Amino acid sequence: MSKSKSIARDMNVVSRMQTSVAEWLASENLLVSSLIEERVSNLQVARMVHAFVACTAMVVWASFSLVGTVLSLLWFGLSLYLCRKGGKS
């Protein structure tokens, strides 16, 4: 019986954590919103950072390897697609 209570309590913790993360992702990012004077959510900022990191990787790999450059180009394209997709599922 105590094992089922422990599992239920763990599921409740995970559920609350998922809710907290979802609320944080939906909330407004004040820094970026004030810079571009438009409402921007934390999820949108995370997607922009993802695109920036992918672009940086593509530029770095361009000096070393064609294969790495092509893979990072694909990664960058995917990150831009996710940015364009926005909040739509």
C-alpha atoms as a PDB file:
ATOM      1  CA  MET A   1       0.000   0.000   0.000  1.00  0.00           C
ATOM      2  CA  SER A   2       2.797   2.424   0.815  1.00  0.00           C
ATOM      3  CA  LYS A   3       4.408   1.782  -2.559  1.00  0.00           C
ATOM      4  CA  SER A   4       1.254   2.900  -4.395  1.00  0.00           C
ATOM      5  CA  LYS A   5       1.101   6.048  -2.227  1.00  0.00           C
ATOM      6  CA  SER A   6       4.722   6.758  -3.071  1.00  0.00           C
ATOM      7  CA  ILE A   7       4.042   6.361  -6.793  1.00  0.00           C
ATOM      8  CA  ALA A   8       0.975   8.597  -6.550  1.00  0.00           C
ATOM      9  CA  ARG A   9       2.988  11.241  -4.680  1.00  0.00           C
ATOM     10  CA  ASP A  10       5.774  11.064  -7.301  1.00  0.00           C
ATOM     11  CA  MET A  11       3.226  11.466 -10.100  1.00  0.00           C
ATOM     12  CA  ASN A  12       1.785  14.496  -8.308  1.00  0.00           C
ATOM     13  CA  VAL A  13       5.250  16.063  -8.078  1.00  0.00           C
ATOM     14  CA  VAL A  14       5.870  15.450 -11.787  1.00  0.00           C
ATOM     15  CA  SER A  15       2.467  16.893 -12.651  1.00  0.00           C
ATOM     16  CA  ARG A  16       3.113  20.036 -10.608  1.00  0.00           C
ATOM     17  CA  MET A  17       6.553  20.408 -12.185  1.00  0.00           C
ATOM     18  CA  GLN A  18       5.098  20.085 -15.702  1.00  0.00           C
ATOM     19  CA  THR A  19       2.492  22.703 -14.840  1.00  0.00           C
ATOM     20  CA  SER A  20       5.139  25.067 -13.485  1.00  0.00           C
ATOM     21  CA  VAL A  21       7.338  24.686 -16.576  1.00  0.00           C
ATOM     22  CA  ALA A  22       4.348  25.169 -18.897  1.00  0.00           C
ATOM     23  CA  GLU A  23       3.352  28.345 -17.032  1.00  0.00           C
ATOM     24  CA  TRP A  24       6.917  29.663 -17.187  1.00  0.00           C
ATOM     25  CA  LEU A  25       7.174  28.961 -20.932  1.00  0.00           C
ATOM     26  CA  ALA A  26       3.886  30.795 -21.540  1.00  0.00           C
ATOM     27  CA  SER A  27       4.840  33.821 -19.430  1.00  0.00           C
ATOM     28  CA  GLU A  28       6.228  36.991 -20.949  1.00  0.00           C
ATOM     29  CA  ASN A  29       9.981  37.488 -21.177  1.00  0.00           C
ATOM     30  CA  LEU A  30      10.357  41.058 -19.975  1.00  0.00           C
ATOM     31  CA  LEU A  31      13.891  41.673 -21.261  1.00  0.00           C
ATOM     32  CA  VAL A  32      13.269  40.705 -24.874  1.00  0.00           C
ATOM     33  CA  SER A  33       9.767  42.178 -24.819  1.00  0.00           C
ATOM     34  CA  SER A  34      11.142  45.533 -23.729  1.00  0.00           C
ATOM     35  CA  LEU A  35      13.864  45.421 -26.400  1.00  0.00           C
ATOM     36  CA  ILE A  36      11.579  44.732 -29.345  1.00  0.00           C
ATOM     37  CA  GLU A  37       8.502  46.425 -27.862  1.00  0.00           C
ATOM     38  CA  GLU A  38       6.275  43.435 -28.507  1.00  0.00           C
ATOM     39  CA  ARG A  39       5.089  40.631 -26.215  1.00  0.00           C
ATOM     40  CA  VAL A  40       7.481  37.679 -26.402  1.00  0.00           C
ATOM     41  CA  SER A  41       7.052  34.496 -24.359  1.00  0.00           C
ATOM     42  CA  ASN A  42       9.848  32.521 -22.752  1.00  0.00           C
ATOM     43  CA  LEU A  43       9.142  29.697 -25.227  1.00  0.00           C
ATOM     44  CA  GLN A  44       9.731  32.052 -28.152  1.00  0.00           C
ATOM     45  CA  VAL A  45      12.985  33.240 -26.578  1.00  0.00           C
ATOM     46  CA  ALA A  46      14.098  29.639 -26.064  1.00  0.00           C
ATOM     47  CA  ARG A  47      13.426  28.964 -29.749  1.00  0.00           C
ATOM     48  CA  MET A  48      15.400  32.053 -30.754  1.00  0.00           C
ATOM     49  CA  VAL A  49      18.341  30.941 -28.601  1.00  0.00           C
ATOM     50  CA  HIS A  50      18.101  27.482 -30.197  1.00  0.00           C
ATOM     51  CA  ALA A  51      18.351  29.064 -33.662  1.00  0.00           C
ATOM     52  CA  PHE A  52      21.291  31.213 -32.557  1.00  0.00           C
ATOM     53  CA  VAL A  53      23.205  28.214 -31.180  1.00  0.00           C
ATOM     54  CA  ALA A  54      22.530  26.223 -34.375  1.00  0.00           C
ATOM     55  CA  CYS A  55      23.735  29.130 -36.514  1.00  0.00           C
ATOM     56  CA  THR A  56      26.869  29.485 -34.411  1.00  0.00           C
ATOM     57  CA  ALA A  57      27.575  25.760 -34.754  1.00  0.00           C
ATOM     58  CA  MET A  58      27.141  26.029 -38.515  1.00  0.00           C
ATOM     59  CA  VAL A  59      29.644  28.897 -38.720  1.00  0.00           C
ATOM     60  CA  VAL A  60      32.171  27.055 -36.536  1.00  0.00           C
ATOM     61  CA  TRP A  61      31.822  23.787 -38.469  1.00  0.00           C
ATOM     62  CA  ALA A  62      32.314  25.633 -41.758  1.00  0.00           C
ATOM     63  CA  SER A  63      36.006  25.903 -40.866  1.00  0.00           C
ATOM     64  CA  PHE A  64      36.491  22.209 -40.152  1.00  0.00           C
ATOM     65  CA  SER A  65      34.308  19.824 -42.084  1.00  0.00           C
ATOM     66  CA  LEU A  66      31.809  19.737 -44.912  1.00  0.00           C
ATOM     67  CA  VAL A  67      29.804  16.982 -43.205  1.00  0.00           C
ATOM     68  CA  GLY A  68      29.612  18.972 -39.967  1.00  0.00           C
ATOM     69  CA  THR A  69      28.578  22.051 -41.906  1.00  0.00           C
ATOM     70  CA  VAL A  70      25.788  20.194 -43.701  1.00  0.00           C
ATOM     71  CA  LEU A  71      24.516  18.626 -40.467  1.00  0.00           C
ATOM     72  CA  SER A  72      24.546  21.952 -38.652  1.00  0.00           C
ATOM     73  CA  LEU A  73      22.829  23.567 -41.652  1.00  0.00           C
ATOM     74  CA  LEU A  74      20.049  20.993 -41.312  1.00  0.00           C
ATOM     75  CA  TRP A  75      19.898  21.699 -37.564  1.00  0.00           C
ATOM     76  CA  PHE A  76      19.716  25.433 -38.265  1.00  0.00           C
ATOM     77  CA  GLY A  77      16.924  24.883 -40.789  1.00  0.00           C
ATOM     78  CA  LEU A  78      14.981  22.833 -38.240  1.00  0.00           C
ATOM     79  CA  SER A  79      15.434  25.515 -35.593  1.00  0.00           C
ATOM     80  CA  LEU A  80      14.201  28.206 -38.000  1.00  0.00           C
ATOM     81  CA  TYR A  81      11.192  26.025 -38.831  1.00  0.00           C
ATOM     82  CA  LEU A  82      10.409  25.729 -35.111  1.00  0.00           C
ATOM     83  CA  CYS A  83      10.749  29.508 -34.724  1.00  0.00           C
ATOM     84  CA  ARG A  84       8.395  30.114 -37.637  1.00  0.00           C
ATOM     85  CA  LYS A  85       5.964  27.507 -36.344  1.00  0.00           C
ATOM     86  CA  GLY A  86       5.655  29.583 -33.169  1.00  0.00           C
ATOM     87  CA  GLY A  87       3.295  28.354 -30.492  1.00  0.00           C
ATOM     88  CA  LYS A  88       1.294  26.114 -32.803  1.00  0.00           C
ATOM     89  CA  SER A  89       1.438  22.407 -32.021  1.00  0.00           C
END
